[in-house]
């Protein structure tokens, strides 16, 4: 069985580099993007099975990016990172079908364990969809 393709989108390059090694160690095929625009190009060209998306990014934030992703793929599981979870941002993203929110705290270990759980949930959703 081929590896699940994960696209991680975040404007913080240092954060992406830390998370890259961890996610790849969980046996996912990981692609990185530093902007919503880049993420959309990657999805159009090569697709992704799961998207991990930062909520706060310059130019095109997570909700704007997710809105465009949904025009390309209604069913792709999306995990959203948010450093400042508030009810308005969560409601804005929930109606676009976010699978789960992962708090983006300063301690990477908390982010990593939460992300691992979220990826496992998204992977199960994919398996169920494929039957």
N, C-alpha and C. Protein backbone atom coordinates (compact mmCIF):
# COMPACT_ATOMS: atom_id res chain seq x y z
N UNK A 1 0.84 -1.18 0.00
CA UNK A 1 0.00 0.00 0.00
C UNK A 1 0.89 1.24 0.00
N UNK A 2 0.56 2.23 -0.81
CA UNK A 2 1.38 3.43 -0.89
C UNK A 2 1.16 4.32 0.33
N UNK A 3 2.15 5.14 0.60
CA UNK A 3 2.08 6.04 1.74
C UNK A 3 1.00 7.09 1.51
N UNK A 4 0.40 7.52 2.61
CA UNK A 4 -0.58 8.60 2.55
C UNK A 4 0.16 9.91 2.33
N UNK A 5 -0.30 10.68 1.36
CA UNK A 5 0.32 11.96 1.00
C UNK A 5 -0.26 13.08 1.85
N UNK A 6 0.59 13.70 2.65
CA UNK A 6 0.19 14.79 3.53
C UNK A 6 0.81 16.09 3.02
N UNK A 7 0.01 17.12 2.92
CA UNK A 7 0.49 18.45 2.56
C UNK A 7 0.39 19.31 3.82
N UNK A 8 1.53 19.85 4.27
CA UNK A 8 1.56 20.73 5.44
C UNK A 8 1.84 22.16 4.98
N UNK A 9 0.95 23.07 5.38
CA UNK A 9 1.02 24.46 4.93
C UNK A 9 1.18 25.37 6.14
N UNK A 10 2.29 26.11 6.18
CA UNK A 10 2.55 27.03 7.28
C UNK A 10 3.57 28.04 6.81
N UNK A 11 3.40 29.30 7.17
CA UNK A 11 4.35 30.34 6.74
C UNK A 11 5.61 30.36 7.61
N UNK A 12 5.63 29.62 8.71
CA UNK A 12 6.81 29.56 9.58
C UNK A 12 7.71 28.39 9.15
N UNK A 13 8.78 28.71 8.43
CA UNK A 13 9.66 27.70 7.87
C UNK A 13 10.30 26.85 8.98
N UNK A 14 10.71 27.49 10.08
CA UNK A 14 11.32 26.74 11.19
C UNK A 14 10.36 25.70 11.74
N UNK A 15 9.10 26.07 11.88
CA UNK A 15 8.08 25.15 12.38
C UNK A 15 7.91 23.97 11.41
N UNK A 16 7.87 24.27 10.11
CA UNK A 16 7.74 23.22 9.10
C UNK A 16 8.91 22.24 9.18
N UNK A 17 10.11 22.76 9.36
CA UNK A 17 11.28 21.90 9.40
C UNK A 17 11.24 20.97 10.61
N UNK A 18 10.82 21.49 11.76
CA UNK A 18 10.71 20.66 12.97
C UNK A 18 9.66 19.57 12.75
N UNK A 19 8.51 19.95 12.21
CA UNK A 19 7.42 19.00 12.02
C UNK A 19 7.70 18.00 10.91
N UNK A 20 8.49 18.40 9.91
CA UNK A 20 8.77 17.53 8.77
C UNK A 20 9.37 16.19 9.20
N UNK A 21 10.41 16.26 10.00
CA UNK A 21 11.06 15.03 10.45
C UNK A 21 10.11 14.14 11.24
N UNK A 22 9.32 14.75 12.08
CA UNK A 22 8.39 13.99 12.91
C UNK A 22 7.33 13.30 12.05
N UNK A 23 6.68 14.04 11.18
CA UNK A 23 5.60 13.46 10.35
C UNK A 23 6.15 12.38 9.43
N UNK A 24 7.31 12.61 8.85
CA UNK A 24 7.91 11.59 7.99
C UNK A 24 8.28 10.34 8.79
N UNK A 25 8.65 10.51 10.06
CA UNK A 25 8.98 9.35 10.89
C UNK A 25 7.74 8.51 11.19
N UNK A 26 6.56 9.10 11.02
CA UNK A 26 5.30 8.36 11.19
C UNK A 26 4.90 7.65 9.90
N UNK A 27 5.76 7.67 8.90
CA UNK A 27 5.59 6.96 7.63
C UNK A 27 4.55 7.59 6.71
N UNK A 28 4.51 8.91 6.68
CA UNK A 28 3.68 9.64 5.72
C UNK A 28 4.59 10.24 4.65
N UNK A 29 4.06 10.40 3.46
CA UNK A 29 4.76 11.09 2.38
C UNK A 29 4.39 12.56 2.51
N UNK A 30 5.33 13.40 2.94
CA UNK A 30 5.03 14.78 3.30
C UNK A 30 5.53 15.76 2.26
N UNK A 31 4.67 16.71 1.91
CA UNK A 31 5.02 17.84 1.05
C UNK A 31 4.78 19.10 1.87
N UNK A 32 5.66 20.08 1.73
CA UNK A 32 5.55 21.32 2.49
C UNK A 32 5.22 22.48 1.57
N UNK A 33 4.43 23.42 2.09
CA UNK A 33 4.13 24.66 1.38
C UNK A 33 4.18 25.80 2.40
N UNK A 34 4.66 26.96 1.98
CA UNK A 34 4.78 28.09 2.89
C UNK A 34 3.72 29.16 2.67
N UNK A 35 2.76 28.87 1.79
CA UNK A 35 1.67 29.82 1.56
C UNK A 35 0.44 29.08 1.03
N UNK A 36 -0.70 29.72 1.17
CA UNK A 36 -1.92 29.14 0.63
C UNK A 36 -1.86 28.98 -0.88
N UNK A 37 -1.27 29.97 -1.54
CA UNK A 37 -1.14 29.93 -3.00
C UNK A 37 -0.31 28.71 -3.43
N UNK A 38 0.82 28.48 -2.75
CA UNK A 38 1.66 27.33 -3.07
C UNK A 38 0.91 26.02 -2.82
N UNK A 39 0.15 25.98 -1.73
CA UNK A 39 -0.61 24.77 -1.39
C UNK A 39 -1.61 24.44 -2.49
N UNK A 40 -2.29 25.44 -3.00
CA UNK A 40 -3.29 25.22 -4.05
C UNK A 40 -2.63 24.69 -5.31
N UNK A 41 -1.45 25.21 -5.65
CA UNK A 41 -0.72 24.72 -6.83
C UNK A 41 -0.33 23.25 -6.65
N UNK A 42 0.12 22.89 -5.45
CA UNK A 42 0.51 21.51 -5.19
C UNK A 42 -0.70 20.58 -5.31
N UNK A 43 -1.81 21.00 -4.75
CA UNK A 43 -3.03 20.17 -4.83
C UNK A 43 -3.47 20.00 -6.27
N UNK A 44 -3.41 21.07 -7.04
CA UNK A 44 -3.80 20.98 -8.45
C UNK A 44 -2.88 20.05 -9.24
N UNK A 45 -1.57 20.13 -8.98
CA UNK A 45 -0.60 19.35 -9.74
C UNK A 45 -0.51 17.89 -9.31
N UNK A 46 -0.40 17.66 -7.99
CA UNK A 46 -0.14 16.29 -7.55
C UNK A 46 -1.11 15.77 -6.52
N UNK A 47 -1.99 16.62 -6.02
CA UNK A 47 -2.97 16.17 -5.06
C UNK A 47 -2.37 15.94 -3.68
N UNK A 48 -3.23 15.58 -2.74
CA UNK A 48 -2.84 15.24 -1.38
C UNK A 48 -3.98 14.43 -0.79
N UNK A 49 -3.64 13.56 0.15
CA UNK A 49 -4.68 12.78 0.83
C UNK A 49 -5.19 13.49 2.06
N UNK A 50 -4.31 14.24 2.73
CA UNK A 50 -4.65 14.98 3.94
C UNK A 50 -3.92 16.32 3.87
N UNK A 51 -4.58 17.38 4.31
CA UNK A 51 -3.95 18.70 4.36
C UNK A 51 -3.89 19.16 5.82
N UNK A 52 -2.71 19.63 6.23
CA UNK A 52 -2.52 20.26 7.53
C UNK A 52 -2.28 21.73 7.24
N UNK A 53 -3.13 22.59 7.77
CA UNK A 53 -3.19 23.98 7.34
C UNK A 53 -3.11 24.92 8.52
N UNK A 54 -2.21 25.90 8.45
CA UNK A 54 -2.11 26.92 9.49
C UNK A 54 -3.25 27.92 9.32
N UNK A 55 -3.84 28.33 10.43
CA UNK A 55 -4.96 29.27 10.37
C UNK A 55 -4.48 30.68 10.01
N UNK A 56 -3.39 31.13 10.66
CA UNK A 56 -2.92 32.51 10.46
C UNK A 56 -1.70 32.53 9.54
N UNK A 57 -1.90 33.02 8.32
CA UNK A 57 -0.82 33.19 7.36
C UNK A 57 -1.03 34.52 6.65
N UNK A 58 0.07 35.16 6.20
CA UNK A 58 -0.10 36.42 5.46
C UNK A 58 -0.71 36.16 4.07
N UNK A 59 -1.17 37.18 3.43
CA UNK A 59 -1.82 37.15 2.12
C UNK A 59 -3.10 36.30 2.13
N UNK A 60 -2.97 35.01 2.17
CA UNK A 60 -4.13 34.12 2.14
C UNK A 60 -4.13 33.29 3.42
N UNK A 61 -5.05 33.58 4.33
CA UNK A 61 -5.07 32.85 5.60
C UNK A 61 -5.65 31.44 5.41
N UNK A 62 -5.71 30.70 6.50
CA UNK A 62 -6.15 29.32 6.43
C UNK A 62 -7.57 29.14 5.93
N UNK A 63 -8.48 30.02 6.35
CA UNK A 63 -9.87 29.90 5.91
C UNK A 63 -9.99 30.21 4.42
N UNK A 64 -9.29 31.24 3.96
CA UNK A 64 -9.32 31.57 2.52
C UNK A 64 -8.72 30.43 1.70
N UNK A 65 -7.62 29.86 2.20
CA UNK A 65 -7.00 28.73 1.51
C UNK A 65 -7.93 27.53 1.49
N UNK A 66 -8.55 27.26 2.63
CA UNK A 66 -9.47 26.13 2.71
C UNK A 66 -10.68 26.32 1.80
N UNK A 67 -11.16 27.54 1.68
CA UNK A 67 -12.27 27.82 0.77
C UNK A 67 -11.90 27.41 -0.66
N UNK A 68 -10.67 27.74 -1.06
CA UNK A 68 -10.21 27.37 -2.41
C UNK A 68 -9.95 25.87 -2.53
N UNK A 69 -9.44 25.25 -1.47
CA UNK A 69 -9.23 23.80 -1.49
C UNK A 69 -10.56 23.09 -1.70
N UNK A 70 -11.60 23.54 -1.03
CA UNK A 70 -12.92 22.90 -1.14
C UNK A 70 -13.48 23.00 -2.56
N UNK A 71 -13.07 24.01 -3.32
CA UNK A 71 -13.49 24.10 -4.72
C UNK A 71 -12.81 23.02 -5.56
N UNK A 72 -11.64 22.55 -5.10
CA UNK A 72 -10.91 21.51 -5.81
C UNK A 72 -11.28 20.11 -5.32
N UNK A 73 -11.53 19.99 -4.01
CA UNK A 73 -11.80 18.67 -3.42
C UNK A 73 -12.66 18.85 -2.17
N UNK A 74 -13.89 18.43 -2.25
CA UNK A 74 -14.82 18.59 -1.12
C UNK A 74 -14.53 17.66 0.04
N UNK A 75 -13.90 16.52 -0.23
CA UNK A 75 -13.79 15.47 0.78
C UNK A 75 -12.43 15.34 1.46
N UNK A 76 -11.42 16.04 0.98
CA UNK A 76 -10.09 15.86 1.55
C UNK A 76 -10.09 16.26 3.04
N UNK A 77 -9.58 15.37 3.92
CA UNK A 77 -9.51 15.72 5.33
C UNK A 77 -8.53 16.88 5.56
N UNK A 78 -8.95 17.86 6.35
CA UNK A 78 -8.11 19.02 6.64
C UNK A 78 -7.98 19.16 8.16
N UNK A 79 -6.74 19.25 8.59
CA UNK A 79 -6.41 19.49 9.99
C UNK A 79 -5.92 20.93 10.06
N UNK A 80 -6.47 21.72 10.97
CA UNK A 80 -6.07 23.13 11.02
C UNK A 80 -5.32 23.42 12.31
N UNK A 81 -4.12 24.02 12.14
CA UNK A 81 -3.34 24.53 13.26
C UNK A 81 -3.87 25.91 13.61
N UNK A 82 -4.00 26.19 14.89
CA UNK A 82 -4.35 27.54 15.29
C UNK A 82 -3.66 27.89 16.59
N UNK A 83 -2.92 29.00 16.56
CA UNK A 83 -2.23 29.47 17.76
C UNK A 83 -3.17 30.28 18.65
N UNK A 84 -4.22 30.82 18.05
CA UNK A 84 -5.17 31.65 18.79
C UNK A 84 -6.59 31.16 18.55
N UNK A 85 -6.95 30.03 19.15
CA UNK A 85 -8.29 29.51 18.91
C UNK A 85 -9.36 30.41 19.53
N UNK A 86 -10.23 30.91 18.71
CA UNK A 86 -11.39 31.64 19.22
C UNK A 86 -12.61 31.12 18.49
N UNK A 87 -13.76 31.33 19.08
CA UNK A 87 -14.98 30.72 18.53
C UNK A 87 -15.28 31.20 17.11
N UNK A 88 -14.96 32.44 16.78
CA UNK A 88 -15.24 32.94 15.43
C UNK A 88 -14.38 32.25 14.38
N UNK A 89 -13.08 32.10 14.68
CA UNK A 89 -12.21 31.45 13.69
C UNK A 89 -12.58 29.99 13.53
N UNK A 90 -12.91 29.33 14.62
CA UNK A 90 -13.27 27.92 14.54
C UNK A 90 -14.58 27.75 13.79
N UNK A 91 -15.56 28.59 14.07
CA UNK A 91 -16.84 28.50 13.34
C UNK A 91 -16.64 28.76 11.86
N UNK A 92 -15.79 29.73 11.52
CA UNK A 92 -15.53 30.05 10.12
C UNK A 92 -14.92 28.89 9.36
N UNK A 93 -14.08 28.12 10.04
CA UNK A 93 -13.44 26.99 9.39
C UNK A 93 -14.28 25.72 9.47
N UNK A 94 -15.08 25.58 10.52
CA UNK A 94 -15.89 24.36 10.67
C UNK A 94 -16.87 24.18 9.52
N UNK A 95 -17.47 25.27 9.07
CA UNK A 95 -18.46 25.14 7.98
C UNK A 95 -17.80 24.71 6.67
N UNK A 96 -16.47 24.76 6.62
CA UNK A 96 -15.73 24.30 5.44
C UNK A 96 -15.22 22.87 5.61
N UNK A 97 -15.62 22.22 6.69
CA UNK A 97 -15.31 20.81 6.85
C UNK A 97 -13.93 20.50 7.40
N UNK A 98 -13.49 21.26 8.39
CA UNK A 98 -12.22 20.93 9.05
C UNK A 98 -12.42 19.67 9.88
N UNK A 99 -11.52 18.70 9.72
CA UNK A 99 -11.61 17.45 10.47
C UNK A 99 -11.34 17.68 11.94
N UNK A 100 -10.32 18.45 12.25
CA UNK A 100 -9.98 18.75 13.64
C UNK A 100 -9.09 19.97 13.71
N UNK A 101 -9.07 20.59 14.88
CA UNK A 101 -8.18 21.72 15.15
C UNK A 101 -7.09 21.25 16.08
N UNK A 102 -5.85 21.65 15.80
CA UNK A 102 -4.71 21.32 16.65
C UNK A 102 -4.15 22.63 17.18
N UNK A 103 -4.12 22.79 18.50
CA UNK A 103 -3.54 24.02 19.06
C UNK A 103 -2.05 24.09 18.74
N UNK A 104 -1.63 25.22 18.23
CA UNK A 104 -0.22 25.41 17.86
C UNK A 104 0.43 26.18 19.00
N UNK A 105 0.90 25.44 19.97
CA UNK A 105 1.50 26.03 21.16
C UNK A 105 3.00 26.16 20.99
N UNK A 106 3.63 26.77 21.94
CA UNK A 106 5.08 26.97 21.84
C UNK A 106 5.85 25.67 22.04
N UNK A 107 5.26 24.69 22.72
CA UNK A 107 5.97 23.44 22.93
C UNK A 107 5.64 22.47 21.80
N UNK A 108 6.65 22.13 21.04
CA UNK A 108 6.44 21.27 19.88
C UNK A 108 5.94 19.89 20.26
N UNK A 109 6.28 19.40 21.45
CA UNK A 109 5.85 18.05 21.81
C UNK A 109 4.32 17.97 21.89
N UNK A 110 3.68 19.02 22.43
CA UNK A 110 2.21 19.03 22.49
C UNK A 110 1.62 19.04 21.09
N UNK A 111 2.19 19.84 20.22
CA UNK A 111 1.71 19.92 18.84
C UNK A 111 1.88 18.56 18.17
N UNK A 112 3.03 17.93 18.38
CA UNK A 112 3.30 16.66 17.72
C UNK A 112 2.34 15.57 18.16
N UNK A 113 2.06 15.48 19.45
CA UNK A 113 1.15 14.42 19.90
C UNK A 113 -0.27 14.69 19.41
N UNK A 114 -0.70 15.94 19.44
CA UNK A 114 -2.03 16.28 18.93
C UNK A 114 -2.13 16.03 17.44
N UNK A 115 -1.07 16.38 16.72
CA UNK A 115 -1.07 16.17 15.27
C UNK A 115 -1.10 14.68 14.96
N UNK A 116 -0.39 13.87 15.71
CA UNK A 116 -0.38 12.43 15.46
C UNK A 116 -1.79 11.86 15.58
N UNK A 117 -2.51 12.27 16.63
CA UNK A 117 -3.89 11.82 16.82
C UNK A 117 -4.77 12.28 15.66
N UNK A 118 -4.60 13.54 15.26
CA UNK A 118 -5.40 14.08 14.15
C UNK A 118 -5.11 13.35 12.84
N UNK A 119 -3.85 13.05 12.58
CA UNK A 119 -3.50 12.32 11.35
C UNK A 119 -4.08 10.90 11.38
N UNK A 120 -4.01 10.26 12.53
CA UNK A 120 -4.60 8.92 12.64
C UNK A 120 -6.10 8.95 12.35
N UNK A 121 -6.79 9.97 12.87
CA UNK A 121 -8.23 10.10 12.62
C UNK A 121 -8.51 10.33 11.13
N UNK A 122 -7.72 11.20 10.51
CA UNK A 122 -7.91 11.48 9.09
C UNK A 122 -7.62 10.25 8.25
N UNK A 123 -6.61 9.47 8.64
CA UNK A 123 -6.27 8.25 7.91
C UNK A 123 -7.42 7.25 7.99
N UNK A 124 -8.03 7.12 9.14
CA UNK A 124 -9.18 6.21 9.29
C UNK A 124 -10.34 6.67 8.41
N UNK A 125 -10.55 7.97 8.37
CA UNK A 125 -11.61 8.53 7.52
C UNK A 125 -11.36 8.18 6.05
N UNK A 126 -10.10 8.30 5.63
CA UNK A 126 -9.74 7.94 4.25
C UNK A 126 -10.01 6.48 3.95
N UNK A 127 -9.60 5.61 4.89
CA UNK A 127 -9.81 4.17 4.71
C UNK A 127 -11.28 3.84 4.61
N UNK A 128 -12.10 4.45 5.46
CA UNK A 128 -13.54 4.21 5.44
C UNK A 128 -14.17 4.67 4.13
N UNK A 129 -13.68 5.80 3.60
CA UNK A 129 -14.20 6.34 2.36
C UNK A 129 -13.87 5.42 1.19
N UNK A 130 -12.66 4.83 1.22
CA UNK A 130 -12.23 3.95 0.13
C UNK A 130 -12.86 2.58 0.23
N UNK A 131 -13.43 2.29 1.42
CA UNK A 131 -14.15 1.03 1.60
C UNK A 131 -13.25 -0.08 1.87
